[in-house]
Protein backbone atom coordinates (compact mmCIF):
# COMPACT_ATOMS: atom_id res chain seq x y z
CA UNK A 1 44.06 -37.80 112.38
CA UNK A 2 41.30 -39.49 114.40
CA UNK A 3 43.75 -40.13 117.20
CA UNK A 4 45.31 -36.67 117.03
CA UNK A 5 42.27 -34.46 116.54
CA UNK A 6 39.07 -36.39 117.27
CA UNK A 7 38.74 -39.30 119.68
CA UNK A 8 41.43 -41.77 120.63
CA UNK A 9 38.93 -44.38 121.73
CA UNK A 10 37.18 -44.17 118.37
CA UNK A 11 40.52 -44.67 116.63
CA UNK A 12 41.12 -47.80 118.72
CA UNK A 13 37.68 -49.15 117.80
CA UNK A 14 38.45 -48.54 114.15
CA UNK A 15 41.59 -50.65 114.48
CA UNK A 16 39.63 -53.38 116.27
CA UNK A 17 37.23 -53.54 113.31
CA UNK A 18 40.08 -54.00 110.84
CA UNK A 19 41.34 -50.49 110.27
CA UNK A 20 39.12 -50.07 107.22
CA UNK A 21 38.44 -46.57 105.87
CA UNK A 22 35.14 -46.24 104.02
CA UNK A 23 35.20 -43.87 101.06
CA UNK A 24 32.20 -44.72 98.85
CA UNK A 25 28.80 -46.38 98.95
CA UNK A 26 26.03 -47.44 96.62
CA UNK A 27 22.90 -49.41 97.37
CA UNK A 28 23.68 -52.15 99.88
CA UNK A 29 27.46 -51.86 99.47
CA UNK A 30 30.26 -49.83 101.07
CA UNK A 31 33.71 -49.49 99.45
CA UNK A 32 36.91 -48.89 101.43
CA UNK A 33 40.06 -46.99 100.52
CA UNK A 34 41.80 -50.21 99.46
CA UNK A 35 38.93 -51.03 97.11
CA UNK A 36 37.29 -53.75 99.17
CA UNK A 37 33.48 -53.95 99.15
CA UNK A 38 31.33 -54.75 102.19
CA UNK A 39 27.66 -55.65 102.33
CA UNK A 40 26.14 -53.07 104.66
CA UNK A 41 23.73 -54.73 107.07
CA UNK A 42 24.56 -52.14 109.74
CA UNK A 43 24.26 -48.39 109.86
CA UNK A 44 21.97 -48.51 112.93
CA UNK A 45 18.82 -48.45 110.85
CA UNK A 46 19.65 -45.49 108.60
CA UNK A 47 19.93 -47.21 105.23
CA UNK A 48 16.48 -48.66 104.56
CA UNK A 49 16.65 -47.21 101.03
CA UNK A 50 20.29 -48.19 100.68
CA UNK A 51 23.05 -45.69 100.04
CA UNK A 52 22.65 -43.00 97.40
CA UNK A 53 19.25 -44.15 96.19
CA UNK A 54 18.62 -42.47 92.80
CA UNK A 55 15.33 -40.88 93.88
CA UNK A 56 16.86 -39.37 97.02
CA UNK A 57 19.95 -38.19 95.15
CA UNK A 58 17.79 -36.55 92.49
CA UNK A 59 15.82 -34.56 95.06
CA UNK A 60 18.95 -33.53 96.96
CA UNK A 61 21.00 -32.66 93.85
CA UNK A 62 18.26 -30.40 92.51
CA UNK A 63 17.99 -28.60 95.83
CA UNK A 64 21.77 -28.30 96.18
CA UNK A 65 21.90 -26.47 92.87
CA UNK A 66 19.15 -24.02 93.80
CA UNK A 67 18.77 -23.25 97.52
CA UNK A 68 20.41 -25.59 100.10
CA UNK A 69 20.04 -23.42 103.24
CA UNK A 70 17.19 -21.00 103.95
CA UNK A 71 17.19 -17.56 105.59
CA UNK A 72 14.51 -18.73 108.05
CA UNK A 73 12.84 -15.34 107.72
CA UNK A 74 10.76 -16.12 104.63
CA UNK A 75 8.62 -19.19 104.09
CA UNK A 76 10.41 -21.96 102.18
CA UNK A 77 8.54 -24.58 100.13
CA UNK A 78 10.69 -27.67 100.75
CA UNK A 79 9.87 -27.75 104.47
CA UNK A 80 6.13 -27.57 103.80
CA UNK A 81 6.36 -30.23 101.09
CA UNK A 82 8.38 -32.54 103.37
CA UNK A 83 5.88 -32.06 106.19
CA UNK A 84 3.01 -32.86 103.83
CA UNK A 85 4.81 -35.99 102.62
CA UNK A 86 5.44 -37.16 106.19
CA UNK A 87 1.86 -36.51 107.30
CA UNK A 88 0.61 -38.50 104.28
CA UNK A 89 2.09 -41.69 105.78
CA UNK A 90 1.74 -40.88 109.50
CA UNK A 91 -0.92 -42.48 111.71
CA UNK A 92 -4.28 -40.72 111.46
CA UNK A 93 -4.61 -37.81 113.84
CA UNK A 94 -1.00 -36.64 113.65
CA UNK A 95 -1.01 -33.36 111.74
CA UNK A 96 1.85 -31.14 112.98
CA UNK A 97 5.55 -31.53 112.15
CA UNK A 98 8.74 -30.07 113.59
CA UNK A 99 11.98 -31.00 111.82
CA UNK A 100 15.31 -31.50 113.59
CA UNK A 101 18.71 -33.01 112.82
CA UNK A 102 18.88 -36.17 114.96
CA UNK A 103 16.77 -38.57 116.95
CA UNK A 104 18.02 -37.07 120.21
CA UNK A 105 16.94 -33.60 119.06
CA UNK A 106 13.51 -35.01 118.27
CA UNK A 107 13.34 -36.46 121.79
CA UNK A 108 14.27 -33.06 123.26
CA UNK A 109 11.48 -31.44 121.25
CA UNK A 110 8.99 -33.97 122.60
CA UNK A 111 10.16 -33.28 126.16
CA UNK A 112 9.50 -29.59 125.67
CA UNK A 113 6.08 -30.25 124.15
CA UNK A 114 5.27 -32.37 127.21
CA UNK A 115 6.28 -29.51 129.51
CA UNK A 116 3.93 -27.14 127.69
CA UNK A 117 1.12 -29.56 128.57
CA UNK A 118 2.05 -29.80 132.24
CA UNK A 119 3.50 -33.32 131.97
CA UNK A 120 6.64 -32.95 134.08
CA UNK A 121 6.95 -36.54 135.24
CA UNK A 122 8.73 -38.75 132.72
CA UNK A 123 8.23 -42.48 132.36
CA UNK A 124 10.47 -44.53 130.08
CA UNK A 125 11.55 -48.16 129.91
CA UNK A 126 14.49 -50.14 131.25
CA UNK A 127 17.10 -50.53 128.47
CA UNK A 128 15.18 -48.16 126.22
CA UNK A 129 17.19 -45.81 124.04
CA UNK A 130 16.23 -42.24 123.12
CA UNK A 131 19.58 -40.50 122.61
CA UNK A 132 22.45 -39.02 124.60
CA UNK A 133 21.73 -35.31 124.93
CA UNK A 134 20.90 -34.45 128.54
CA UNK A 135 17.12 -34.61 128.22
CA UNK A 136 17.10 -37.66 125.99
CA UNK A 137 19.70 -39.33 128.20
CA UNK A 138 17.37 -38.93 131.16
CA UNK A 139 15.00 -41.23 129.27
CA UNK A 140 17.60 -43.71 128.02
CA UNK A 141 17.44 -46.71 130.33
CA UNK A 142 21.10 -47.63 130.74
CA UNK A 143 23.16 -46.39 133.69
CA UNK A 144 26.39 -46.95 131.75
CA UNK A 145 25.59 -43.85 129.69
CA UNK A 146 23.66 -41.96 132.37
CA UNK A 147 25.93 -42.12 135.43
CA UNK A 148 28.81 -39.90 134.18
CA UNK A 149 26.38 -37.03 133.53
CA UNK A 150 24.11 -37.09 136.54
CA UNK A 151 22.12 -35.35 137.84
CA UNK A 152 19.83 -35.54 134.84
CA UNK A 153 16.17 -34.48 134.57
CA UNK A 154 14.32 -35.06 137.85
CA UNK A 155 11.15 -37.08 138.31
CA UNK A 156 12.10 -39.70 135.72
CA UNK A 157 11.03 -43.32 136.23
CA UNK A 158 11.99 -46.43 134.26
CA UNK A 159 9.64 -49.41 134.11
CA UNK A 160 10.22 -52.85 132.55
CA UNK A 161 9.54 -52.90 128.80
CA UNK A 162 6.52 -55.00 127.91
CA UNK A 163 5.02 -54.77 131.40
CA UNK A 164 1.76 -52.85 131.08
CA UNK A 165 0.84 -53.34 134.73
CA UNK A 166 4.09 -51.77 135.95
CA UNK A 167 3.48 -48.74 133.74
CA UNK A 168 -0.10 -48.36 134.91
CA UNK A 169 0.99 -48.43 138.55
CA UNK A 170 3.35 -45.50 137.97
CA UNK A 171 0.76 -43.49 136.04
CA UNK A 172 -1.86 -44.08 138.73
CA UNK A 173 0.38 -42.32 141.28
CA UNK A 174 0.34 -39.04 139.33
CA UNK A 175 -2.73 -38.67 137.11
CA UNK A 176 -2.44 -35.89 134.53
CA UNK A 177 1.25 -35.30 135.21
CA UNK A 178 3.11 -37.97 133.20
CA UNK A 179 4.65 -38.29 129.77
CA UNK A 180 5.48 -41.82 128.59
CA UNK A 181 8.26 -42.58 126.09
CA UNK A 182 8.28 -46.04 124.53
CA UNK A 183 9.69 -47.81 121.46
CA UNK A 184 7.53 -50.32 119.54
CA UNK A 185 10.55 -52.65 119.52
CA UNK A 186 13.63 -51.89 121.59
CA UNK A 187 16.48 -51.70 119.09
CA UNK A 188 19.51 -50.84 121.19
CA UNK A 189 18.34 -53.23 123.91
CA UNK A 190 18.91 -56.04 121.40
CA UNK A 191 15.73 -56.18 119.28
CA UNK A 192 13.39 -56.78 122.21
CA UNK A 193 9.85 -57.42 120.96
CA UNK A 194 7.04 -56.79 123.47
CA UNK A 195 4.13 -59.17 123.98
CA UNK A 196 1.15 -58.77 121.66
CA UNK A 197 -1.19 -56.04 122.83
CA UNK A 198 1.44 -54.16 124.84
CA UNK A 199 1.34 -50.93 122.84
CA UNK A 200 -2.45 -50.94 122.91
CA UNK A 201 -2.30 -51.39 126.70
CA UNK A 202 0.16 -48.48 126.96
CA UNK A 203 -2.15 -46.25 124.94
CA UNK A 204 -5.16 -47.19 127.07
CA UNK A 205 -3.26 -46.63 130.33
CA UNK A 206 -2.14 -43.19 129.12
CA UNK A 207 -5.73 -42.33 128.24
CA UNK A 208 -6.98 -43.58 131.61
CA UNK A 209 -4.56 -41.48 133.64
CA UNK A 210 -4.19 -38.43 131.41
CA UNK A 211 -0.62 -39.16 130.36
CA UNK A 212 0.95 -37.99 127.12
CA UNK A 213 2.24 -40.83 124.92
CA UNK A 214 5.44 -40.36 122.91
CA UNK A 215 6.21 -43.19 120.50
CA UNK A 216 9.89 -43.32 119.55
CA UNK A 217 9.90 -44.61 115.97
CA UNK A 218 13.35 -43.22 115.14
CA UNK A 219 14.70 -46.70 114.42
CA UNK A 220 11.53 -48.73 113.95
CA UNK A 221 9.59 -46.36 111.71
CA UNK A 222 9.46 -45.82 107.95
CA UNK A 223 9.30 -49.50 107.05
CA UNK A 224 12.11 -50.95 109.13
CA UNK A 225 9.72 -53.47 110.75
CA UNK A 226 7.87 -54.27 107.53
CA UNK A 227 5.09 -51.79 108.30
CA UNK A 228 5.18 -48.02 107.92
CA UNK A 229 5.29 -47.68 111.72
CA UNK A 230 6.07 -50.15 114.44
CA UNK A 231 2.77 -49.47 116.17
CA UNK A 232 0.68 -50.13 113.06
CA UNK A 233 -0.13 -53.80 113.87
CA UNK A 234 -1.92 -52.65 117.03
CA UNK A 235 -3.45 -49.56 115.39
CA UNK A 236 -1.99 -47.25 118.02
CA UNK A 237 -1.71 -43.50 117.47
CA UNK A 238 0.49 -41.61 119.95
CA UNK A 239 0.19 -37.97 120.92
CA UNK A 240 3.73 -37.42 119.64
CA UNK A 241 5.87 -39.58 117.36
CA UNK A 242 9.62 -39.36 116.84
CA UNK A 243 10.99 -40.06 113.35
CA UNK A 244 14.57 -40.20 112.09
CA UNK A 245 17.30 -42.43 110.63
CA UNK A 246 15.62 -43.67 107.42
CA UNK A 247 13.99 -40.25 106.92
CA UNK A 248 17.43 -39.08 105.78
CA UNK A 249 17.36 -41.42 102.81
CA UNK A 250 20.92 -42.21 103.84
CA UNK A 251 22.02 -38.88 102.34
CA UNK A 252 21.33 -35.87 104.62
CA UNK A 253 20.72 -36.23 108.39
CA UNK A 254 17.20 -35.25 109.40
CA UNK A 255 14.64 -36.15 112.06
CA UNK A 256 11.14 -35.05 112.89
CA UNK A 257 8.52 -34.81 115.58
CA UNK A 258 4.99 -35.51 114.36
CA UNK A 259 2.23 -34.56 116.78
CA UNK A 260 -1.47 -34.08 117.23
CA UNK A 261 -2.76 -30.54 116.97
CA UNK A 262 -3.51 -30.54 120.69
CA UNK A 263 -0.03 -31.71 121.72
CA UNK A 264 1.55 -29.12 119.41
CA UNK A 265 -0.78 -26.23 120.27
CA UNK A 266 1.62 -24.07 122.32
CA UNK A 267 4.29 -24.27 119.61
CA UNK A 268 1.59 -23.26 117.11
CA UNK A 269 0.95 -20.07 119.07
CA UNK A 270 4.61 -19.06 119.41
CA UNK A 271 6.90 -19.95 116.46
CA UNK A 272 10.00 -18.79 118.39
CA UNK A 273 9.44 -20.96 121.44
CA UNK A 274 11.46 -23.86 120.03
CA UNK A 275 13.80 -23.13 117.12
CA UNK A 276 17.09 -24.28 115.61
CA UNK A 277 19.18 -22.64 112.90
CA UNK A 278 19.21 -25.71 110.67
CA UNK A 279 15.73 -27.03 111.45
CA UNK A 280 13.91 -27.59 108.17
CA UNK A 281 16.99 -26.84 106.04
CA UNK A 282 15.92 -27.18 102.38
CA UNK A 283 18.65 -29.71 101.59
CA UNK A 284 17.53 -32.00 104.42
CA UNK A 285 13.90 -31.51 103.45
CA UNK A 286 14.70 -32.62 99.91
CA UNK A 287 16.31 -35.77 101.33
CA UNK A 288 13.22 -36.51 103.43
CA UNK A 289 10.93 -36.02 100.44
CA UNK A 290 13.15 -38.25 98.33
CA UNK A 291 13.26 -40.97 100.97
CA UNK A 292 9.48 -41.09 101.33
CA UNK A 293 9.04 -41.00 97.55
CA UNK A 294 11.47 -43.90 97.07
CA UNK A 295 9.71 -45.98 99.73
CA UNK A 296 6.34 -45.41 98.09
CA UNK A 297 7.47 -45.88 94.48
CA UNK A 298 9.28 -49.17 95.15
CA UNK A 299 7.08 -50.43 98.01
CA UNK A 300 10.16 -50.75 100.19
CA UNK A 301 7.96 -51.25 103.25
CA UNK A 302 6.49 -54.40 101.69
CA UNK A 303 9.94 -55.42 100.51
CA UNK A 304 11.29 -55.08 104.06
CA UNK A 305 8.55 -57.41 105.27
CA UNK A 306 9.28 -59.99 102.55
CA UNK A 307 13.03 -59.89 103.11
CA UNK A 308 12.58 -60.22 106.87
CA UNK A 309 10.35 -63.24 106.41
CA UNK A 310 13.17 -64.93 104.49
CA UNK A 311 16.16 -63.69 106.47
CA UNK A 312 14.98 -64.49 109.99
CA UNK A 313 14.54 -68.28 109.64
CA UNK A 314 17.67 -68.65 107.48
CA UNK A 315 19.91 -66.71 109.86
CA UNK A 316 18.42 -68.67 112.76
CA UNK A 317 19.16 -71.97 110.99
CA UNK A 318 22.77 -71.01 110.29
CA UNK A 319 23.46 -69.65 113.77
CA UNK A 320 21.96 -72.61 115.63
CA UNK A 321 23.63 -75.15 113.33
CA UNK A 322 27.03 -73.80 114.37
CA UNK A 323 26.54 -72.45 117.88
CA UNK A 324 23.91 -74.80 119.22
CA UNK A 325 22.83 -73.92 122.75
CA UNK A 326 25.19 -70.93 122.81
CA UNK A 327 22.50 -69.10 120.81
CA UNK A 328 19.67 -68.09 123.11
CA UNK A 329 17.37 -66.66 120.43
CA UNK A 330 17.31 -65.26 116.90
CA UNK A 331 14.46 -62.78 116.62
CA UNK A 332 13.23 -59.79 114.70
CA UNK A 333 10.54 -58.01 112.75
CA UNK A 334 11.04 -56.94 109.17
CA UNK A 335 14.64 -55.84 108.74
CA UNK A 336 15.47 -55.33 112.42
CA UNK A 337 17.12 -58.61 113.38
CA UNK A 338 19.00 -59.75 116.48
CA UNK A 339 21.05 -62.80 117.41
CA UNK A 340 21.19 -63.16 121.19
CA UNK A 341 23.84 -65.35 122.79
CA UNK A 342 23.68 -67.04 126.16
CA UNK A 343 26.90 -65.50 127.44
CA UNK A 344 29.08 -62.41 126.88
CA UNK A 345 31.72 -62.64 124.17
CA UNK A 346 30.38 -64.26 121.02
CA UNK A 347 28.32 -61.27 119.84
CA UNK A 348 31.38 -59.03 119.69
CA UNK A 349 33.61 -61.73 118.23
CA UNK A 350 31.04 -62.57 115.56
CA UNK A 351 30.74 -58.89 114.65
CA UNK A 352 34.47 -58.75 113.95
CA UNK A 353 34.41 -62.09 112.12
CA UNK A 354 31.56 -60.88 109.90
CA UNK A 355 33.63 -57.84 108.91
CA UNK A 356 36.47 -60.19 107.97
CA UNK A 357 33.93 -61.94 105.74
CA UNK A 358 32.72 -58.78 104.05
CA UNK A 359 29.53 -58.12 106.07
CA UNK A 360 28.91 -55.06 108.25
CA UNK A 361 26.59 -55.59 111.24
CA UNK A 362 26.10 -53.72 114.54
CA UNK A 363 26.46 -54.31 118.23
CA UNK A 364 23.60 -53.28 120.53
CA UNK A 365 24.44 -50.36 122.82
CA UNK A 366 22.24 -51.61 125.66
CA UNK A 367 22.94 -55.33 125.31
CA UNK A 368 26.37 -56.90 124.95
CA UNK A 369 24.71 -60.27 124.27
CA UNK A 370 23.06 -59.28 120.97
CA UNK A 371 24.45 -58.90 117.46
CA UNK A 372 22.10 -56.76 115.38
CA UNK A 373 21.50 -56.59 111.64
CA UNK A 374 19.62 -53.75 109.94
CA UNK A 375 20.01 -54.45 106.21
CA UNK A 376 18.47 -52.22 103.52
CA UNK A 377 15.24 -53.10 101.74
CA UNK A 378 17.04 -52.98 98.37
CA UNK A 379 18.84 -56.32 98.78
CA UNK A 380 18.73 -58.51 95.67
CA UNK A 381 19.20 -62.28 95.44
CA UNK A 382 22.97 -62.07 94.96
CA UNK A 383 23.23 -59.86 98.06
CA UNK A 384 21.26 -62.37 100.10
CA UNK A 385 23.47 -65.23 98.98
CA UNK A 386 26.57 -63.20 99.87
CA UNK A 387 25.09 -62.54 103.33
CA UNK A 388 24.20 -66.18 103.95
CA UNK A 389 27.63 -67.40 102.85
CA UNK A 390 29.48 -64.74 104.88
CA UNK A 391 27.33 -65.37 107.94
CA UNK A 392 27.89 -69.12 107.65
CA UNK A 393 31.66 -68.73 107.36
CA UNK A 394 31.81 -66.30 110.27
CA UNK A 395 29.71 -68.53 112.53
CA UNK A 396 31.79 -71.58 111.60
CA UNK A 397 35.03 -69.73 112.40
CA UNK A 398 33.86 -68.58 115.86
CA UNK A 399 31.41 -71.23 117.03
CA UNK A 400 33.80 -73.79 118.50
CA UNK A 401 34.96 -71.23 121.08
CA UNK A 402 31.50 -70.92 122.60
CA UNK A 403 29.36 -73.96 121.85
CA UNK A 404 30.20 -77.14 123.76
CA UNK A 405 26.97 -78.76 122.55
CA UNK A 406 27.45 -77.76 118.93
CA UNK A 407 28.40 -81.23 117.76
CA UNK A 408 25.04 -82.72 118.64
CA UNK A 409 23.28 -79.69 117.14
CA UNK A 410 25.16 -80.09 113.87
CA UNK A 411 24.42 -83.79 113.77
CA UNK A 412 20.75 -83.12 114.40
CA UNK A 413 20.67 -80.38 111.73
């Protein structure tokens, strides 16, 4: 049916990954049609609370039985309650919320907010990722995805991620006209972590040259990095913040734009200027409320930090012990982890090998050298042991193809 009615390339990818058909999920585990269980360390950052978390399910089930979709003519309480919940954990100064259905939709909303403030020049980063709708794709820093759909939005510049001086030079050319989009950590680029102080330098440069700052926390936010927001360690508040993925609680897709009152002011004056039929749908709002409640009740943000502190050195030890110099770096923050290889090939092969060993991971859309893991914050000790054993077996099975120096590395280990 995929091949006949949907996308033939997607069907081929499904076969490449073993032809598995997922039919059920709970917590950190996915079950396939043949009854096999996989530890889900993928999902592109969605499942911080795991699948079907009881708190999220309770909120959604109650809403499903009462009022899942609103008329959009009357006021509806779930949207207001979800906005209040999101503002309660947002950086100080962000007080306005617009809900959407995906990260790309959130990026489009931010682009329109920027236009209302006269910021027509867009500045994003090389290998950054902000979605694939036309506006968001203009920001995404990978020509592989951009070229087939050009021309995209004009006056868009990409600067190296982590290079504050390069950004400042662009902003200085057009004071008061720019809008900057940046991720705290580049996820799709392969878990690229900027130098300390970078986000603070970005904020200061935007202030100096009258630029609007949009922080894309779609993947990094809501605890994924072991803090509520990726910019928290540098105490940076943007003008606009994009939220998504984990906001769904892994149950109903939802995203949001959270903004300062000033950045949001034109939308405040005209409620019909930017609308969508399913924006703020009660069922999605219940999922968002449930996700935030679960994170607070179980301190999943702190748990993500603790799990990351254990996982990163252990995965590094296993990878290097088998691959040796073929591994360039194992890096991450919280539960956003990446294994970068020195040459093309092993990341994709290891992804397939991990699936054969019962572990789901992800590739990185903007880096073919990096295997990425985004496990949930609900992992227990038995899950961790399963991951370590599966990762060790997968590395052992693939390493000899890529690591000529592995023998000495093993001996040393």
